[in-house]
Amino acid sequence: MAEIDLSKVLDKAWADKALPEIMAAPVSALKGVSDRQGDLLQEAFGVRTVADLASLKYARWAQALAGLDTAK
């Protein structure tokens, strides 16, 4: 099972929340994502929540391509 230090990927206000609440949170709950950037993601891709971003096909495609990159 994968583990992640939530304090490194979430804003402080979200780091102690349960996973279902985090997944339903706006993308601005992610460290480094501003409210404005969240608005732009919603406008461009219909992404409103962390779960939406995680399931965005373009993000999944990019992750799959990165996994194929053996030049790392």
PDB file of N, CA and C in Angstrom:
ATOM      1  N   MET A   1       0.841  -1.164   0.000  1.00  0.00           N
ATOM      2  CA  MET A   1       0.000   0.000   0.000  1.00  0.00           C
ATOM      3  C   MET A   1       0.898   1.243   0.000  1.00  0.00           C
ATOM      4  N   ALA A   2       0.525   2.225  -0.786  1.00  0.00           N
ATOM      5  CA  ALA A   2       1.290   3.462  -0.869  1.00  0.00           C
ATOM      6  C   ALA A   2       1.049   4.317   0.372  1.00  0.00           C
ATOM      7  N   GLU A   3       2.082   5.013   0.786  1.00  0.00           N
ATOM      8  CA  GLU A   3       1.970   5.942   1.903  1.00  0.00           C
ATOM      9  C   GLU A   3       2.425   7.307   1.443  1.00  0.00           C
ATOM     10  N   ILE A   4       1.876   8.348   2.072  1.00  0.00           N
ATOM     11  CA  ILE A   4       2.238   9.705   1.714  1.00  0.00           C
ATOM     12  C   ILE A   4       2.167  10.569   2.971  1.00  0.00           C
ATOM     13  N   ASP A   5       3.097  11.487   3.082  1.00  0.00           N
ATOM     14  CA  ASP A   5       3.095  12.444   4.188  1.00  0.00           C
ATOM     15  C   ASP A   5       2.151  13.575   3.794  1.00  0.00           C
ATOM     16  N   LEU A   6       0.959  13.578   4.347  1.00  0.00           N
ATOM     17  CA  LEU A   6      -0.066  14.545   3.955  1.00  0.00           C
ATOM     18  C   LEU A   6       0.371  15.986   4.191  1.00  0.00           C
ATOM     19  N   SER A   7       1.208  16.214   5.181  1.00  0.00           N
ATOM     20  CA  SER A   7       1.654  17.578   5.460  1.00  0.00           C
ATOM     21  C   SER A   7       2.542  18.122   4.344  1.00  0.00           C
ATOM     22  N   LYS A   8       3.075  17.242   3.521  1.00  0.00           N
ATOM     23  CA  LYS A   8       3.926  17.681   2.405  1.00  0.00           C
ATOM     24  C   LYS A   8       3.136  17.967   1.132  1.00  0.00           C
ATOM     25  N   VAL A   9       1.913  17.475   1.041  1.00  0.00           N
ATOM     26  CA  VAL A   9       1.140  17.651  -0.191  1.00  0.00           C
ATOM     27  C   VAL A   9      -0.139  18.453  -0.011  1.00  0.00           C
ATOM     28  N   LEU A  10      -0.498  18.743   1.245  1.00  0.00           N
ATOM     29  CA  LEU A  10      -1.734  19.480   1.517  1.00  0.00           C
ATOM     30  C   LEU A  10      -1.434  20.758   2.290  1.00  0.00           C
ATOM     31  N   ASP A  11      -2.265  21.768   2.087  1.00  0.00           N
ATOM     32  CA  ASP A  11      -2.200  22.949   2.924  1.00  0.00           C
ATOM     33  C   ASP A  11      -2.469  22.533   4.368  1.00  0.00           C
ATOM     34  N   LYS A  12      -1.956  23.295   5.309  1.00  0.00           N
ATOM     35  CA  LYS A  12      -2.078  22.949   6.735  1.00  0.00           C
ATOM     36  C   LYS A  12      -3.515  22.676   7.164  1.00  0.00           C
ATOM     37  N   ALA A  13      -4.455  23.425   6.639  1.00  0.00           N
ATOM     38  CA  ALA A  13      -5.859  23.266   7.048  1.00  0.00           C
ATOM     39  C   ALA A  13      -6.426  21.905   6.669  1.00  0.00           C
ATOM     40  N   TRP A  14      -5.804  21.224   5.740  1.00  0.00           N
ATOM     41  CA  TRP A  14      -6.332  19.948   5.251  1.00  0.00           C
ATOM     42  C   TRP A  14      -5.520  18.745   5.699  1.00  0.00           C
ATOM     43  N   ALA A  15      -4.337  18.943   6.236  1.00  0.00           N
ATOM     44  CA  ALA A  15      -3.422  17.835   6.533  1.00  0.00           C
ATOM     45  C   ALA A  15      -3.955  16.860   7.585  1.00  0.00           C
ATOM     46  N   ASP A  16      -4.878  17.287   8.429  1.00  0.00           N
ATOM     47  CA  ASP A  16      -5.389  16.395   9.476  1.00  0.00           C
ATOM     48  C   ASP A  16      -6.781  15.848   9.171  1.00  0.00           C
ATOM     49  N   LYS A  17      -7.245  16.072   7.957  1.00  0.00           N
ATOM     50  CA  LYS A  17      -8.595  15.614   7.580  1.00  0.00           C
ATOM     51  C   LYS A  17      -8.564  14.150   7.140  1.00  0.00           C
ATOM     52  N   ALA A  18      -9.722  13.517   7.173  1.00  0.00           N
ATOM     53  CA  ALA A  18      -9.858  12.139   6.701  1.00  0.00           C
ATOM     54  C   ALA A  18      -9.811  12.117   5.172  1.00  0.00           C
ATOM     55  N   LEU A  19      -9.391  11.008   4.627  1.00  0.00           N
ATOM     56  CA  LEU A  19      -9.229  10.889   3.174  1.00  0.00           C
ATOM     57  C   LEU A  19     -10.493  11.228   2.384  1.00  0.00           C
ATOM     58  N   PRO A  20     -11.671  10.770   2.787  1.00  0.00           N
ATOM     59  CA  PRO A  20     -12.871  11.147   2.011  1.00  0.00           C
ATOM     60  C   PRO A  20     -13.074  12.660   1.950  1.00  0.00           C
ATOM     61  N   GLU A  21     -12.775  13.342   3.054  1.00  0.00           N
ATOM     62  CA  GLU A  21     -12.915  14.794   3.079  1.00  0.00           C
ATOM     63  C   GLU A  21     -11.873  15.463   2.170  1.00  0.00           C
ATOM     64  N   ILE A  22     -10.662  14.926   2.171  1.00  0.00           N
ATOM     65  CA  ILE A  22      -9.601  15.454   1.305  1.00  0.00           C
ATOM     66  C   ILE A  22      -9.969  15.275  -0.162  1.00  0.00           C
ATOM     67  N   MET A  23     -10.478  14.110  -0.506  1.00  0.00           N
ATOM     68  CA  MET A  23     -10.826  13.851  -1.906  1.00  0.00           C
ATOM     69  C   MET A  23     -11.961  14.754  -2.384  1.00  0.00           C
ATOM     70  N   ALA A  24     -12.826  15.173  -1.467  1.00  0.00           N
ATOM     71  CA  ALA A  24     -13.929  16.070  -1.808  1.00  0.00           C
ATOM     72  C   ALA A  24     -13.531  17.548  -1.713  1.00  0.00           C
ATOM     73  N   ALA A  25     -12.314  17.799  -1.259  1.00  0.00           N
ATOM     74  CA  ALA A  25     -11.845  19.172  -1.080  1.00  0.00           C
ATOM     75  C   ALA A  25     -11.558  19.830  -2.421  1.00  0.00           C
ATOM     76  N   PRO A  26     -11.592  21.163  -2.455  1.00  0.00           N
ATOM     77  CA  PRO A  26     -11.201  21.856  -3.689  1.00  0.00           C
ATOM     78  C   PRO A  26      -9.721  21.602  -3.969  1.00  0.00           C
ATOM     79  N   VAL A  27      -9.343  21.675  -5.230  1.00  0.00           N
ATOM     80  CA  VAL A  27      -7.943  21.403  -5.584  1.00  0.00           C
ATOM     81  C   VAL A  27      -6.984  22.370  -4.896  1.00  0.00           C
ATOM     82  N   SER A  28      -7.475  23.513  -4.466  1.00  0.00           N
ATOM     83  CA  SER A  28      -6.617  24.450  -3.744  1.00  0.00           C
ATOM     84  C   SER A  28      -6.197  23.918  -2.376  1.00  0.00           C
ATOM     85  N   ALA A  29      -6.752  22.793  -1.947  1.00  0.00           N
ATOM     86  CA  ALA A  29      -6.294  22.142  -0.716  1.00  0.00           C
ATOM     87  C   ALA A  29      -4.906  21.542  -0.904  1.00  0.00           C
ATOM     88  N   LEU A  30      -4.517  21.325  -2.147  1.00  0.00           N
ATOM     89  CA  LEU A  30      -3.182  20.808  -2.442  1.00  0.00           C
ATOM     90  C   LEU A  30      -2.163  21.928  -2.281  1.00  0.00           C
ATOM     91  N   LYS A  31      -1.064  21.613  -1.629  1.00  0.00           N
ATOM     92  CA  LYS A  31      -0.024  22.605  -1.394  1.00  0.00           C
ATOM     93  C   LYS A  31       0.469  23.144  -2.733  1.00  0.00           C
ATOM     94  N   GLY A  32       0.491  24.461  -2.843  1.00  0.00           N
ATOM     95  CA  GLY A  32       0.994  25.097  -4.054  1.00  0.00           C
ATOM     96  C   GLY A  32      -0.051  25.400  -5.108  1.00  0.00           C
ATOM     97  N   VAL A  33      -1.293  24.979  -4.890  1.00  0.00           N
ATOM     98  CA  VAL A  33      -2.364  25.274  -5.841  1.00  0.00           C
ATOM     99  C   VAL A  33      -3.218  26.403  -5.257  1.00  0.00           C
ATOM    100  N   SER A  34      -3.230  27.527  -5.947  1.00  0.00           N
ATOM    101  CA  SER A  34      -3.985  28.683  -5.460  1.00  0.00           C
ATOM    102  C   SER A  34      -5.464  28.550  -5.822  1.00  0.00           C
ATOM    103  N   ASP A  35      -6.273  29.384  -5.198  1.00  0.00           N
ATOM    104  CA  ASP A  35      -7.695  29.419  -5.545  1.00  0.00           C
ATOM    105  C   ASP A  35      -7.866  29.760  -7.022  1.00  0.00           C
ATOM    106  N   ARG A  36      -7.066  30.696  -7.523  1.00  0.00           N
ATOM    107  CA  ARG A  36      -7.151  31.098  -8.935  1.00  0.00           C
ATOM    108  C   ARG A  36      -6.794  29.927  -9.856  1.00  0.00           C
ATOM    109  N   GLN A  37      -5.767  29.193  -9.510  1.00  0.00           N
ATOM    110  CA  GLN A  37      -5.402  28.027 -10.315  1.00  0.00           C
ATOM    111  C   GLN A  37      -6.503  26.978 -10.278  1.00  0.00           C
ATOM    112  N   GLY A  38      -7.133  26.830  -9.121  1.00  0.00           N
ATOM    113  CA  GLY A  38      -8.274  25.921  -9.014  1.00  0.00           C
ATOM    114  C   GLY A  38      -9.409  26.355  -9.925  1.00  0.00           C
ATOM    115  N   ASP A  39      -9.658  27.661  -9.966  1.00  0.00           N
ATOM    116  CA  ASP A  39     -10.692  28.188 -10.857  1.00  0.00           C
ATOM    117  C   ASP A  39     -10.353  27.903 -12.318  1.00  0.00           C
ATOM    118  N   LEU A  40      -9.093  28.041 -12.672  1.00  0.00           N
ATOM    119  CA  LEU A  40      -8.666  27.778 -14.056  1.00  0.00           C
ATOM    120  C   LEU A  40      -8.801  26.294 -14.405  1.00  0.00           C
ATOM    121  N   LEU A  41      -8.490  25.417 -13.464  1.00  0.00           N
ATOM    122  CA  LEU A  41      -8.680  23.983 -13.703  1.00  0.00           C
ATOM    123  C   LEU A  41     -10.157  23.656 -13.908  1.00  0.00           C
ATOM    124  N   GLN A  42     -11.003  24.314 -13.132  1.00  0.00           N
ATOM    125  CA  GLN A  42     -12.441  24.094 -13.300  1.00  0.00           C
ATOM    126  C   GLN A  42     -12.904  24.592 -14.659  1.00  0.00           C
ATOM    127  N   GLU A  43     -12.437  25.760 -15.038  1.00  0.00           N
ATOM    128  CA  GLU A  43     -12.832  26.332 -16.324  1.00  0.00           C
ATOM    129  C   GLU A  43     -12.352  25.487 -17.503  1.00  0.00           C
ATOM    130  N   ALA A  44     -11.125  25.033 -17.429  1.00  0.00           N
ATOM    131  CA  ALA A  44     -10.534  24.292 -18.546  1.00  0.00           C
ATOM    132  C   ALA A  44     -10.979  22.837 -18.618  1.00  0.00           C
ATOM    133  N   PHE A  45     -11.088  22.181 -17.453  1.00  0.00           N
ATOM    134  CA  PHE A  45     -11.306  20.733 -17.448  1.00  0.00           C
ATOM    135  C   PHE A  45     -12.496  20.278 -16.611  1.00  0.00           C
ATOM    136  N   GLY A  46     -13.187  21.201 -15.976  1.00  0.00           N
ATOM    137  CA  GLY A  46     -14.303  20.817 -15.114  1.00  0.00           C
ATOM    138  C   GLY A  46     -13.860  20.225 -13.792  1.00  0.00           C
ATOM    139  N   VAL A  47     -12.604  20.449 -13.428  1.00  0.00           N
ATOM    140  CA  VAL A  47     -12.041  19.907 -12.190  1.00  0.00           C
ATOM    141  C   VAL A  47     -12.407  20.824 -11.032  1.00  0.00           C
ATOM    142  N   ARG A  48     -13.098  20.285 -10.046  1.00  0.00           N
ATOM    143  CA  ARG A  48     -13.481  21.054  -8.854  1.00  0.00           C
ATOM    144  C   ARG A  48     -12.815  20.521  -7.593  1.00  0.00           C
ATOM    145  N   THR A  49     -12.607  19.215  -7.528  1.00  0.00           N
ATOM    146  CA  THR A  49     -12.124  18.583  -6.296  1.00  0.00           C
ATOM    147  C   THR A  49     -10.811  17.833  -6.543  1.00  0.00           C
ATOM    148  N   VAL A  50     -10.188  17.444  -5.449  1.00  0.00           N
ATOM    149  CA  VAL A  50      -8.977  16.623  -5.531  1.00  0.00           C
ATOM    150  C   VAL A  50      -9.300  15.320  -6.271  1.00  0.00           C
ATOM    151  N   ALA A  51     -10.466  14.737  -6.008  1.00  0.00           N
ATOM    152  CA  ALA A  51     -10.869  13.505  -6.695  1.00  0.00           C
ATOM    153  C   ALA A  51     -11.024  13.739  -8.194  1.00  0.00           C
ATOM    154  N   ASP A  52     -11.590  14.881  -8.569  1.00  0.00           N
ATOM    155  CA  ASP A  52     -11.715  15.203 -10.000  1.00  0.00           C
ATOM    156  C   ASP A  52     -10.342  15.259 -10.659  1.00  0.00           C
ATOM    157  N   LEU A  53      -9.403  15.908  -9.988  1.00  0.00           N
ATOM    158  CA  LEU A  53      -8.052  16.027 -10.541  1.00  0.00           C
ATOM    159  C   LEU A  53      -7.402  14.658 -10.667  1.00  0.00           C
ATOM    160  N   ALA A  54      -7.574  13.826  -9.651  1.00  0.00           N
ATOM    161  CA  ALA A  54      -6.987  12.481  -9.671  1.00  0.00           C
ATOM    162  C   ALA A  54      -7.547  11.625 -10.798  1.00  0.00           C
ATOM    163  N   SER A  55      -8.779  11.863 -11.163  1.00  0.00           N
ATOM    164  CA  SER A  55      -9.395  11.045 -12.207  1.00  0.00           C
ATOM    165  C   SER A  55      -9.344  11.694 -13.590  1.00  0.00           C
ATOM    166  N   LEU A  56      -8.737  12.851 -13.680  1.00  0.00           N
ATOM    167  CA  LEU A  56      -8.626  13.546 -14.963  1.00  0.00           C
ATOM    168  C   LEU A  56      -7.811  12.699 -15.938  1.00  0.00           C
ATOM    169  N   LYS A  57      -8.415  12.363 -17.054  1.00  0.00           N
ATOM    170  CA  LYS A  57      -7.753  11.447 -17.985  1.00  0.00           C
ATOM    171  C   LYS A  57      -6.409  11.987 -18.468  1.00  0.00           C
ATOM    172  N   TYR A  58      -6.284  13.288 -18.615  1.00  0.00           N
ATOM    173  CA  TYR A  58      -5.016  13.855 -19.091  1.00  0.00           C
ATOM    174  C   TYR A  58      -3.909  13.671 -18.061  1.00  0.00           C
ATOM    175  N   ALA A  59      -4.250  13.780 -16.789  1.00  0.00           N
ATOM    176  CA  ALA A  59      -3.269  13.543 -15.727  1.00  0.00           C
ATOM    177  C   ALA A  59      -2.860  12.070 -15.708  1.00  0.00           C
ATOM    178  N   ARG A  60      -3.839  11.175 -15.875  1.00  0.00           N
ATOM    179  CA  ARG A  60      -3.520   9.736 -15.894  1.00  0.00           C
ATOM    180  C   ARG A  60      -2.653   9.390 -17.095  1.00  0.00           C
ATOM    181  N   TRP A  61      -2.952   9.980 -18.249  1.00  0.00           N
ATOM    182  CA  TRP A  61      -2.137   9.726 -19.438  1.00  0.00           C
ATOM    183  C   TRP A  61      -0.709  10.208 -19.225  1.00  0.00           C
ATOM    184  N   ALA A  62      -0.555  11.395 -18.652  1.00  0.00           N
ATOM    185  CA  ALA A  62       0.780  11.947 -18.408  1.00  0.00           C
ATOM    186  C   ALA A  62       1.552  11.067 -17.423  1.00  0.00           C
ATOM    187  N   GLN A  63       0.873  10.561 -16.391  1.00  0.00           N
ATOM    188  CA  GLN A  63       1.528   9.672 -15.435  1.00  0.00           C
ATOM    189  C   GLN A  63       1.961   8.373 -16.106  1.00  0.00           C
ATOM    190  N   ALA A  64       1.128   7.837 -16.978  1.00  0.00           N
ATOM    191  CA  ALA A  64       1.477   6.602 -17.689  1.00  0.00           C
ATOM    192  C   ALA A  64       2.678   6.823 -18.602  1.00  0.00           C
ATOM    193  N   LEU A  65       2.703   7.951 -19.284  1.00  0.00           N
ATOM    194  CA  LEU A  65       3.850   8.258 -20.147  1.00  0.00           C
ATOM    195  C   LEU A  65       5.120   8.438 -19.324  1.00  0.00           C
ATOM    196  N   ALA A  66       5.003   9.104 -18.176  1.00  0.00           N
ATOM    197  CA  ALA A  66       6.164   9.299 -17.314  1.00  0.00           C
ATOM    198  C   ALA A  66       6.701   7.951 -16.830  1.00  0.00           C
ATOM    199  N   GLY A  67       5.792   6.995 -16.598  1.00  0.00           N
ATOM    200  CA  GLY A  67       6.201   5.667 -16.168  1.00  0.00           C
ATOM    201  C   GLY A  67       6.964   4.907 -17.241  1.00  0.00           C
ATOM    202  N   LEU A  68       6.734   5.271 -18.495  1.00  0.00           N
ATOM    203  CA  LEU A  68       7.436   4.638 -19.615  1.00  0.00           C
ATOM    204  C   LEU A  68       8.820   5.234 -19.838  1.00  0.00           C
ATOM    205  N   ASP A  69       9.042   6.410 -19.278  1.00  0.00           N
ATOM    206  CA  ASP A  69      10.308   7.124 -19.475  1.00  0.00           C
ATOM    207  C   ASP A  69      11.417   6.431 -18.700  1.00  0.00           C
ATOM    208  N   THR A  70      12.259   5.705 -19.404  1.00  0.00           N
ATOM    209  CA  THR A  70      13.345   4.957 -18.757  1.00  0.00           C
ATOM    210  C   THR A  70      14.642   5.758 -18.688  1.00  0.00           C
ATOM    211  N   ALA A  71      14.619   6.994 -19.174  1.00  0.00           N
ATOM    212  CA  ALA A  71      15.828   7.825 -19.193  1.00  0.00           C
ATOM    213  C   ALA A  71      16.042   8.553 -17.868  1.00  0.00           C
ATOM    214  N   LYS A  72      15.260   8.258 -16.866  1.00  0.00           N
ATOM    215  CA  LYS A  72      15.381   8.952 -15.567  1.00  0.00           C
ATOM    216  C   LYS A  72      16.616   8.543 -14.820  1.00  0.00           C
TER     217      LYS A  72
END
